Amino acid sequence: MRTRLLIIFGALAVLLAAGAGPAPSVFAAKRAQGGSGDGMPQSIISLQSPYCILVEKESQKLMLYQRNGNGIELIKEYTCSTGQNHGDKLKSGDKKTPEGVYYFKKIYNDHQLPSRYGVMAFVLDFPNYLDRVEEKGGNGIWLHGLDRPLVPYDSKGCIALVNEDILEVSTYITLFDTPIIIEENITRNGTDGPDDVREEVLGFLASWEAAWENKHFDSYVDCYSRSLFKRGRFARWKSHKQRLTRTYKFIDVNLSDINVFRHDDTYIISFYQDYESDTFSSSGLKKLYLQRNSADLRIIGEDWAGTSRPKKGRQPQVPSEERNLKRMLNNWVTAWEKKNISGYMQCYSKDFFSQNMDWRQWRSYKDDINRNNIMIKVSVLRPSVAITGGRAEVSYVQQYRSDSYTDYGLKRLKLRKEDDGWKIVAESWEPI
C-alpha cells in the first residue's frame, strides 16, 4: 500500500511552477489576448489535462484553454450557437443548453451523422451526478458542426460550431480527458487563480486517497456527506464499504490527470483512477463532487466511467475526402446565401462548363441574380457522396428560395480534386 499525499502535492508544485503540456499551438499566431475578459476563469481551479474548453452562453463564444509552461492560457476563441431558450437545462425538449462541467464520451464522424450535424459530433456525459440529483431531464447533448450558416441561440440544446471550427477544435479533444465547462457568464479572477482553494481541495483529495488505501475506515467515511444518501442508505453504504475494507488484504489507489473545477457552490475533482486489491481491479475516469459542510469539504456525489487510459497529447483527426467534400459544399452554400460571388466561384474549377456556360459566363450569370435579389436561401437535404480516385459526385435534394423565385429538386455536382482542393466542374438540377 502506498500513501500519495506527498506525491500529489509534488505534482501540484510541478503544475504550478512549470506545467507539462504539448508543444505550443499551431494557432499561436492567432492567440487571443485576454479573450472575453482578463484573468483566469473562476471555474478552473487546477488543470492537468492538456486542454480545457469553456462555453459562455451569453457571448456565444467557445474558448480553448491550454496548460503549458506559462500556466493556463487562452489560445483560441470561436463563435458558437447554444440553445434557443435561455437558462440551465431542466427537462427534455426545453431547448436549453445545460450548465456545468462535462466530459466527452463518444465521437460521431460525418458518415454516422445526419447532415444537419455537420462533419463531426462529440457526445457530452450529460446528465452528470448533480443533474441527476436535481432531477434534470434530457440527454443527447453534443458539440457538433453545422451544414448551414451559424445563427446565435439556434440549437435545441447542443453547442454548434461551423464545420471548419469543429474540425479544428476536434484536434484538441481526447475522450474522457478533455473537460468542457458551460456557463451563462464566465466570472474571472484578477490573478492566475485561488491558490488557497486549490491547495485545500487537493489536500482533501490526498487525505481521501490515503484513508481509502490504508484502510483507515472512519477517516474515509468522514470524507462523505450524509446528504449523499437518502432513505437510510448511509447505513447500508457504510456497512458495504466496511465489509470490503475487512475482506481485501490490500487496497492500492493511484490517481493521475487531476483536474479541479468549480460550478456554483460545488467543487468537481476529476481524475483517472487505477484501483487494485487482491481480488478486484478497475480503471477509469472518476469525478468527486464536493460542497462545504459548515467549514469543511465533504463529498456529496461521485461519477464513474470505466475506460482505458486516455492517450496523451493532441490527436489530429485526419479529414477524409468525404469530409473535405462536405466542408467544400458547406462553404459553397454559405457563400451562395451571403451573395459572396468571389467565395462562391472559388468552389468552381476554371474548367467548369454547365448549361452552355463556362466559368466566366457562370460568374456573370450568378452576379446578375445576386444584384436582383436581397435574400437567397439554400437548403441541402440528404446529401450523398461518391468518390472514385480524383473524381467525385455529390447529389442531394435542394430547396432554393429568393425574393421572387422558389424551386425544389435534385441537384448533382461533378467535382475534381485539384491542387487547392475539390472543385465543381459541372452541375445539373431537375425538379422533383
Protein backbone atom coordinates (compact mmCIF):
# COMPACT_ATOMS: atom_id res chain seq x y z
CA MET A 1 0.00 0.00 0.00
CA ARG A 2 1.23 3.48 -0.80
CA THR A 3 0.19 6.84 0.55
CA ARG A 4 0.49 9.57 -2.06
CA LEU A 5 -0.02 12.73 -0.04
CA LEU A 6 3.49 13.97 -0.84
CA ILE A 7 3.23 12.80 -4.43
CA ILE A 8 0.03 14.73 -5.06
CA PHE A 9 1.44 17.91 -3.55
CA GLY A 10 4.62 17.34 -5.55
CA ALA A 11 2.55 17.11 -8.71
CA LEU A 12 0.75 20.30 -7.67
CA ALA A 13 4.06 22.10 -7.26
CA VAL A 14 5.18 20.96 -10.70
CA LEU A 15 1.88 22.05 -12.21
CA LEU A 16 2.05 25.49 -10.65
CA ALA A 17 5.71 26.01 -11.46
CA ALA A 18 6.08 24.61 -14.93
CA GLY A 19 3.11 22.73 -16.38
CA ALA A 20 3.61 19.87 -18.79
CA GLY A 21 1.73 20.36 -22.00
CA PRO A 22 2.20 19.58 -25.65
CA ALA A 23 4.17 21.81 -27.96
CA PRO A 24 2.80 25.36 -28.44
CA SER A 25 -0.35 25.53 -30.53
CA VAL A 26 -0.02 25.83 -34.28
CA PHE A 27 -2.57 28.62 -33.93
CA ALA A 28 -0.28 30.64 -31.62
CA ALA A 29 -0.22 33.44 -34.15
CA LYS A 30 -3.98 33.79 -33.73
CA ARG A 31 -3.86 33.59 -29.94
CA ALA A 32 -6.39 35.80 -28.18
CA GLN A 33 -5.00 38.47 -25.88
CA GLY A 34 -7.21 38.42 -22.84
CA GLY A 35 -10.12 36.89 -24.71
CA SER A 36 -13.56 37.85 -23.40
CA GLY A 37 -12.03 39.19 -20.18
CA ASP A 38 -8.83 39.39 -18.20
CA GLY A 39 -7.82 36.85 -15.58
CA MET A 40 -8.41 33.13 -15.20
CA PRO A 41 -12.00 31.86 -15.20
CA GLN A 42 -13.03 31.09 -11.61
CA SER A 43 -14.36 27.74 -12.79
CA ILE A 44 -10.81 26.45 -13.43
CA ILE A 45 -9.06 25.71 -10.11
CA SER A 46 -6.40 23.24 -11.31
CA LEU A 47 -5.79 21.70 -14.72
CA GLN A 48 -3.61 18.70 -15.61
CA SER A 49 -5.40 17.81 -18.85
CA PRO A 50 -3.58 19.44 -21.79
CA TYR A 51 -6.68 21.38 -22.88
CA CYS A 52 -9.95 22.66 -21.44
CA ILE A 53 -12.96 24.06 -23.30
CA LEU A 54 -15.21 26.79 -21.88
CA VAL A 55 -18.53 27.84 -23.40
CA GLU A 56 -20.08 31.18 -22.43
CA LYS A 57 -23.72 31.21 -23.47
CA GLU A 58 -24.22 34.96 -23.10
CA SER A 59 -21.46 35.87 -25.59
CA GLN A 60 -21.97 32.76 -27.77
CA LYS A 61 -18.26 32.00 -27.50
CA LEU A 62 -16.33 28.75 -27.18
CA MET A 63 -12.88 29.26 -25.66
CA LEU A 64 -9.96 26.85 -25.81
CA TYR A 65 -7.51 26.89 -22.88
CA GLN A 66 -4.12 25.18 -22.85
CA ARG A 67 -1.90 24.11 -19.97
CA ASN A 68 1.72 24.85 -20.82
CA GLY A 69 4.94 26.23 -19.36
CA ASN A 70 3.28 29.57 -18.64
CA GLY A 71 0.45 28.01 -16.63
CA ILE A 72 -3.01 28.04 -18.22
CA GLU A 73 -3.74 30.39 -21.10
CA LEU A 74 -6.46 31.13 -23.60
CA ILE A 75 -5.22 30.19 -27.07
CA LYS A 76 -8.28 30.49 -29.31
CA GLU A 77 -11.90 31.68 -29.38
CA TYR A 78 -14.69 30.51 -31.66
CA THR A 79 -18.21 31.76 -32.26
CA CYS A 80 -20.76 29.10 -31.33
CA SER A 81 -24.51 28.67 -31.04
CA THR A 82 -26.33 27.31 -27.97
CA GLY A 83 -29.95 26.55 -27.07
CA GLN A 84 -32.82 28.62 -28.41
CA ASN A 85 -34.06 29.27 -24.87
CA HIS A 86 -32.01 30.86 -22.10
CA GLY A 87 -31.23 29.31 -18.71
CA ASP A 88 -29.99 25.94 -17.48
CA LYS A 89 -31.46 22.79 -18.99
CA LEU A 90 -34.24 21.37 -16.78
CA LYS A 91 -36.15 18.90 -18.92
CA SER A 92 -36.16 17.14 -22.26
CA GLY A 93 -37.33 19.34 -25.10
CA ASP A 94 -36.86 22.69 -23.34
CA LYS A 95 -34.27 23.74 -25.97
CA LYS A 96 -31.83 24.90 -23.29
CA THR A 97 -28.12 24.13 -23.07
CA PRO A 98 -27.06 22.60 -19.72
CA GLU A 99 -24.61 24.37 -17.42
CA GLY A 100 -21.87 22.54 -15.55
CA VAL A 101 -18.68 20.53 -16.00
CA TYR A 102 -18.78 17.68 -18.50
CA TYR A 103 -16.52 15.35 -20.49
CA PHE A 104 -16.74 13.95 -24.00
CA LYS A 105 -17.60 10.26 -24.05
CA LYS A 106 -18.19 9.46 -27.72
CA ILE A 107 -17.47 10.80 -31.19
CA TYR A 108 -19.53 10.55 -34.37
CA ASN A 109 -17.90 11.21 -37.74
CA ASP A 110 -19.61 12.54 -40.84
CA HIS A 111 -20.69 9.18 -42.26
CA GLN A 112 -22.52 8.43 -38.98
CA LEU A 113 -24.43 11.73 -38.83
CA PRO A 114 -27.46 13.34 -40.41
CA SER A 115 -26.19 16.25 -42.50
CA ARG A 116 -27.65 18.88 -40.13
CA TYR A 117 -24.96 17.96 -37.57
CA GLY A 118 -22.16 18.80 -39.96
CA VAL A 119 -18.98 16.77 -40.28
CA MET A 120 -18.43 15.72 -36.65
CA ALA A 121 -20.14 15.49 -33.24
CA PHE A 122 -18.89 14.83 -29.70
CA VAL A 123 -21.31 13.47 -27.08
CA LEU A 124 -21.19 15.04 -23.59
CA ASP A 125 -21.72 12.99 -20.43
CA PHE A 126 -24.90 14.90 -19.57
CA PRO A 127 -26.65 14.39 -17.18
CA ASN A 128 -23.89 14.26 -14.55
CA TYR A 129 -24.38 13.49 -10.85
CA LEU A 130 -25.56 16.99 -9.95
CA ASP A 131 -28.02 17.00 -12.86
CA ARG A 132 -29.47 13.68 -11.74
CA VAL A 133 -29.81 14.81 -8.11
CA GLU A 134 -31.65 17.92 -9.27
CA GLU A 135 -33.81 15.64 -11.48
CA LYS A 136 -32.94 17.46 -14.68
CA GLY A 137 -34.22 15.70 -17.76
CA GLY A 138 -32.92 15.20 -21.26
CA ASN A 139 -29.88 13.69 -22.92
CA GLY A 140 -28.09 13.75 -26.25
CA ILE A 141 -26.18 16.98 -25.67
CA TRP A 142 -23.50 17.29 -28.34
CA LEU A 143 -20.76 19.59 -29.54
CA HIS A 144 -21.24 19.38 -33.30
CA GLY A 145 -20.78 21.03 -36.67
CA LEU A 146 -23.39 22.54 -38.98
CA ASP A 147 -24.38 22.09 -42.61
CA ARG A 148 -25.58 25.71 -42.77
CA PRO A 149 -24.51 29.16 -41.57
CA LEU A 150 -24.22 29.69 -37.80
CA VAL A 151 -27.08 31.57 -36.09
CA PRO A 152 -26.88 32.65 -32.41
CA TYR A 153 -29.13 30.80 -29.95
CA ASP A 154 -30.30 28.39 -32.62
CA SER A 155 -29.75 24.85 -31.27
CA LYS A 156 -32.12 22.53 -29.41
CA GLY A 157 -29.66 22.39 -26.50
CA CYS A 158 -26.36 21.38 -28.14
CA ILE A 159 -23.32 23.57 -28.79
CA ALA A 160 -22.83 24.11 -32.51
CA LEU A 161 -19.80 25.33 -34.47
CA VAL A 162 -19.30 25.82 -38.19
CA ASN A 163 -17.72 22.75 -39.79
CA GLU A 164 -14.31 24.37 -40.21
CA ASP A 165 -14.15 25.17 -36.49
CA ILE A 166 -15.37 21.78 -35.20
CA LEU A 167 -12.67 20.12 -37.28
CA GLU A 168 -10.05 22.40 -35.76
CA VAL A 169 -11.35 22.00 -32.19
CA SER A 170 -11.51 18.22 -32.61
CA THR A 171 -7.71 18.04 -32.74
CA TYR A 172 -7.60 19.24 -29.12
CA ILE A 173 -10.22 16.82 -27.74
CA THR A 174 -9.39 13.50 -26.10
CA LEU A 175 -12.37 11.41 -24.99
CA PHE A 176 -12.72 11.11 -21.19
CA ASP A 177 -9.85 13.58 -20.74
CA THR A 178 -10.77 16.98 -22.20
CA PRO A 179 -13.28 18.83 -19.99
CA ILE A 180 -15.93 21.21 -21.30
CA ILE A 181 -17.36 23.80 -18.89
CA ILE A 182 -20.61 25.51 -19.87
CA GLU A 183 -21.69 28.74 -18.12
CA GLU A 184 -24.12 31.56 -18.76
CA ASN A 185 -21.45 34.11 -17.82
CA ILE A 186 -17.78 33.38 -17.15
CA THR A 187 -16.57 35.01 -13.93
CA ARG A 188 -12.86 35.71 -13.87
CA ASN A 189 -10.23 36.13 -11.20
CA GLY A 190 -7.94 39.11 -11.23
CA THR A 191 -4.94 36.77 -10.91
CA ASP A 192 -3.99 33.28 -12.04
CA GLY A 193 -6.30 31.57 -9.57
CA PRO A 194 -7.23 30.87 -5.94
CA ASP A 195 -4.14 29.04 -4.64
CA ASP A 196 -5.63 28.56 -1.17
CA VAL A 197 -8.73 26.83 -2.59
CA ARG A 198 -6.58 24.71 -4.90
CA GLU A 199 -4.40 23.54 -2.02
CA GLU A 200 -7.43 22.86 0.19
CA VAL A 201 -9.23 20.75 -2.42
CA LEU A 202 -6.13 18.79 -3.44
CA GLY A 203 -5.25 18.29 0.22
CA PHE A 204 -8.72 16.86 0.81
CA LEU A 205 -8.24 14.51 -2.16
CA ALA A 206 -4.89 13.31 -0.80
CA SER A 207 -6.43 12.58 2.62
CA TRP A 208 -9.34 10.73 1.00
CA GLU A 209 -6.96 8.58 -1.07
CA ALA A 210 -4.67 7.84 1.88
CA ALA A 211 -7.58 6.85 4.16
CA TRP A 212 -9.01 4.59 1.44
CA GLU A 213 -5.87 2.65 0.57
CA ASN A 214 -4.58 2.48 4.16
CA LYS A 215 -7.98 1.16 5.22
CA HIS A 216 -8.48 3.91 7.80
CA PHE A 217 -12.19 3.32 7.59
CA ASP A 218 -13.52 6.02 9.90
CA SER A 219 -11.40 8.71 8.23
CA TYR A 220 -12.54 7.50 4.80
CA VAL A 221 -16.23 7.58 5.71
CA ASP A 222 -15.80 11.01 7.30
CA CYS A 223 -14.92 12.39 3.84
CA TYR A 224 -18.53 11.84 2.73
CA SER A 225 -21.57 13.97 3.46
CA ARG A 226 -24.64 12.13 4.70
CA SER A 227 -26.63 14.17 2.19
CA LEU A 228 -25.19 11.78 -0.42
CA PHE A 229 -27.51 9.11 0.90
CA LYS A 230 -31.29 9.15 1.18
CA ARG A 231 -33.84 6.98 2.99
CA GLY A 232 -31.38 5.25 5.28
CA ARG A 233 -28.93 4.35 2.54
CA PHE A 234 -25.97 5.77 4.50
CA ALA A 235 -26.02 2.86 6.97
CA ARG A 236 -26.18 0.31 4.13
CA TRP A 237 -23.41 2.03 2.18
CA LYS A 238 -21.22 2.25 5.30
CA SER A 239 -21.78 -1.44 6.08
CA HIS A 240 -20.89 -2.39 2.48
CA LYS A 241 -17.67 -0.35 2.50
CA GLN A 242 -16.68 -1.70 5.89
CA ARG A 243 -17.15 -5.27 4.67
CA LEU A 244 -14.91 -4.58 1.64
CA THR A 245 -12.26 -3.00 3.84
CA ARG A 246 -12.15 -6.09 6.04
CA THR A 247 -12.24 -8.51 3.08
CA TYR A 248 -9.43 -7.07 0.97
CA LYS A 249 -5.89 -7.83 2.13
CA PHE A 250 -4.70 -4.63 0.47
CA ILE A 251 -6.11 -1.66 -1.43
CA ASP A 252 -3.96 0.31 -3.86
CA VAL A 253 -5.30 3.51 -5.41
CA ASN A 254 -3.40 5.54 -7.98
CA LEU A 255 -4.74 8.92 -9.15
CA SER A 256 -3.48 10.83 -12.17
CA ASP A 257 -4.54 13.66 -14.51
CA ILE A 258 -6.20 15.53 -11.64
CA ASN A 259 -8.42 18.48 -12.58
CA VAL A 260 -10.33 20.71 -10.17
CA PHE A 261 -13.24 22.89 -11.27
CA ARG A 262 -15.92 24.96 -9.59
CA HIS A 263 -19.56 25.25 -10.58
CA ASP A 264 -21.69 27.47 -8.34
CA ASP A 265 -21.03 26.23 -4.76
CA THR A 266 -19.69 22.82 -5.84
CA TYR A 267 -16.11 21.74 -6.49
CA ILE A 268 -15.65 19.00 -9.07
CA ILE A 269 -12.47 16.90 -8.92
CA SER A 270 -11.93 14.69 -11.96
CA PHE A 271 -9.08 12.21 -12.32
CA TYR A 272 -8.05 8.94 -13.88
CA GLN A 273 -8.20 6.23 -11.20
CA ASP A 274 -6.38 2.89 -11.11
CA TYR A 275 -7.75 0.68 -8.32
CA GLU A 276 -6.36 -2.68 -7.31
CA SER A 277 -6.95 -5.12 -4.47
CA ASP A 278 -6.08 -8.80 -4.03
CA THR A 279 -9.32 -9.85 -5.76
CA PHE A 280 -10.52 -6.89 -7.85
CA SER A 281 -9.12 -4.14 -10.11
CA SER A 282 -10.57 -1.35 -12.22
CA SER A 283 -9.52 1.74 -14.18
CA GLY A 284 -11.47 4.75 -15.38
CA LEU A 285 -12.49 8.38 -15.12
CA LYS A 286 -13.82 9.38 -11.70
CA LYS A 287 -15.44 12.61 -10.59
CA LEU A 288 -15.99 13.67 -6.99
CA TYR A 289 -18.46 16.45 -6.21
CA LEU A 290 -17.60 18.43 -3.06
CA GLN A 291 -19.51 21.00 -1.04
CA ARG A 292 -18.86 22.60 2.32
CA ASN A 293 -20.39 21.05 5.43
CA SER A 294 -20.08 24.04 7.75
CA ALA A 295 -16.40 24.92 7.16
CA ASP A 296 -15.21 21.52 5.93
CA LEU A 297 -15.35 19.98 2.48
CA ARG A 298 -17.36 16.78 2.06
CA ILE A 299 -18.15 14.52 -0.90
CA ILE A 300 -21.80 14.81 -1.91
CA GLY A 301 -21.60 12.60 -5.00
CA GLU A 302 -19.48 10.53 -7.38
CA ASP A 303 -19.47 9.70 -11.09
CA TRP A 304 -17.55 6.79 -12.57
CA ALA A 305 -16.86 5.74 -16.17
CA GLY A 306 -14.74 2.63 -16.65
CA THR A 307 -12.47 3.33 -19.60
CA SER A 308 -8.96 2.73 -20.86
CA ARG A 309 -6.37 5.37 -20.07
CA PRO A 310 -6.69 8.38 -22.40
CA LYS A 311 -3.88 8.80 -24.90
CA LYS A 312 -1.81 11.90 -24.24
CA GLY A 313 -1.24 14.87 -26.47
CA ARG A 314 -3.12 16.14 -29.46
CA GLN A 315 -4.70 13.52 -31.66
CA PRO A 316 -5.43 15.12 -35.02
CA GLN A 317 -8.48 13.78 -36.80
CA VAL A 318 -7.31 13.42 -40.41
CA PRO A 319 -10.17 14.64 -42.61
CA SER A 320 -11.48 12.02 -45.01
CA GLU A 321 -12.07 13.01 -48.61
CA GLU A 322 -15.80 12.73 -47.97
CA ARG A 323 -15.46 15.16 -45.08
CA ASN A 324 -13.43 17.53 -47.27
CA LEU A 325 -16.16 17.40 -49.89
CA LYS A 326 -18.84 18.20 -47.32
CA ARG A 327 -16.75 21.08 -45.99
CA MET A 328 -16.45 22.44 -49.53
CA LEU A 329 -20.20 22.01 -50.03
CA ASN A 330 -20.88 23.91 -46.78
CA ASN A 331 -18.56 26.76 -47.83
CA TRP A 332 -20.18 26.87 -51.26
CA VAL A 333 -23.72 27.12 -49.87
CA THR A 334 -22.67 29.72 -47.28
CA ALA A 335 -21.08 31.92 -49.95
CA TRP A 336 -24.15 31.42 -52.18
CA GLU A 337 -26.55 32.58 -49.46
CA LYS A 338 -24.33 35.55 -48.50
CA LYS A 339 -24.08 36.53 -52.18
CA ASN A 340 -20.29 36.38 -51.83
CA ILE A 341 -19.54 35.89 -55.51
CA SER A 342 -15.77 35.56 -55.02
CA GLY A 343 -16.10 32.89 -52.34
CA TYR A 344 -18.80 31.16 -54.37
CA MET A 345 -16.74 30.98 -57.56
CA GLN A 346 -13.66 29.73 -55.67
CA CYS A 347 -15.58 26.46 -55.37
CA TYR A 348 -15.62 26.07 -59.17
CA SER A 349 -12.88 24.75 -61.42
CA LYS A 350 -11.64 27.10 -64.14
CA ASP A 351 -12.63 24.24 -66.46
CA PHE A 352 -16.26 24.42 -65.30
CA PHE A 353 -18.88 24.08 -68.03
CA SER A 354 -22.60 23.63 -67.49
CA GLN A 355 -25.86 24.78 -69.09
CA ASN A 356 -23.82 26.07 -72.05
CA MET A 357 -21.82 28.39 -69.80
CA ASP A 358 -18.13 28.38 -68.90
CA TRP A 359 -16.60 29.73 -65.65
CA ARG A 360 -16.73 33.42 -66.67
CA GLN A 361 -20.25 33.21 -68.07
CA TRP A 362 -21.43 31.35 -64.96
CA ARG A 363 -19.98 34.05 -62.72
CA SER A 364 -21.69 36.81 -64.71
CA TYR A 365 -24.98 34.88 -64.60
CA LYS A 366 -24.80 34.41 -60.81
CA ASP A 367 -23.69 38.02 -60.29
CA ASP A 368 -26.85 39.24 -62.04
CA ILE A 369 -29.01 37.04 -59.78
CA ASN A 370 -27.26 38.40 -56.66
CA ARG A 371 -27.88 42.03 -57.71
CA ASN A 372 -31.58 41.35 -58.36
CA ASN A 373 -32.28 39.61 -55.03
CA ILE A 374 -32.00 40.77 -51.43
CA MET A 375 -32.48 37.29 -49.98
CA ILE A 376 -31.22 33.88 -51.13
CA LYS A 377 -31.77 30.72 -49.05
CA VAL A 378 -30.49 27.26 -49.98
CA SER A 379 -31.33 24.07 -48.05
CA VAL A 380 -29.30 20.89 -48.66
CA LEU A 381 -31.19 17.70 -47.82
CA ARG A 382 -29.92 14.10 -47.73
CA PRO A 383 -26.54 14.64 -49.44
CA SER A 384 -24.86 11.57 -50.96
CA VAL A 385 -21.18 11.41 -51.90
CA ALA A 386 -19.48 9.02 -54.32
CA ILE A 387 -15.69 9.23 -54.81
CA THR A 388 -13.62 7.48 -57.46
CA GLY A 389 -9.97 8.46 -57.38
CA GLY A 390 -9.68 12.18 -58.04
CA ARG A 391 -13.29 12.49 -59.18
CA ALA A 392 -16.48 12.74 -57.17
CA GLU A 393 -20.22 13.25 -57.49
CA VAL A 394 -22.37 14.86 -54.82
CA SER A 395 -26.13 14.57 -55.14
CA TYR A 396 -28.77 15.99 -52.83
CA VAL A 397 -32.27 17.41 -52.67
CA GLN A 398 -32.11 21.19 -52.90
CA GLN A 399 -34.70 23.73 -51.81
CA TYR A 400 -33.97 27.20 -53.20
CA ARG A 401 -35.71 30.43 -52.23
CA SER A 402 -35.11 34.03 -53.27
CA ASP A 403 -37.21 37.20 -53.31
CA SER A 404 -39.04 36.20 -56.46
CA TYR A 405 -38.36 32.54 -57.13
CA THR A 406 -38.64 29.15 -55.37
CA ASP A 407 -37.78 25.66 -56.55
CA TYR A 408 -37.28 22.14 -55.17
CA GLY A 409 -35.33 19.45 -56.95
CA LEU A 410 -32.45 17.02 -57.27
CA LYS A 411 -29.02 18.66 -57.62
CA ARG A 412 -25.92 16.84 -58.89
CA LEU A 413 -22.41 18.24 -58.65
CA LYS A 414 -19.47 16.70 -60.50
CA LEU A 415 -16.14 17.54 -58.85
CA ARG A 416 -12.43 17.09 -59.47
CA LYS A 417 -9.57 17.08 -56.95
CA GLU A 418 -7.23 19.94 -57.85
CA ASP A 419 -4.12 21.33 -56.16
CA ASP A 420 -6.15 23.58 -53.83
CA GLY A 421 -8.95 21.11 -53.09
CA TRP A 422 -12.16 19.80 -54.61
CA LYS A 423 -13.68 21.97 -57.36
CA ILE A 424 -17.02 21.80 -59.20
CA VAL A 425 -16.57 21.04 -62.91
CA ALA A 426 -20.26 20.58 -63.80
CA GLU A 427 -23.67 20.66 -62.17
CA SER A 428 -27.25 19.77 -63.04
CA TRP A 429 -30.69 20.20 -61.49
CA GLU A 430 -34.07 18.58 -62.15
CA PRO A 431 -37.40 19.23 -60.40
CA ILE A 432 -38.97 16.59 -58.18
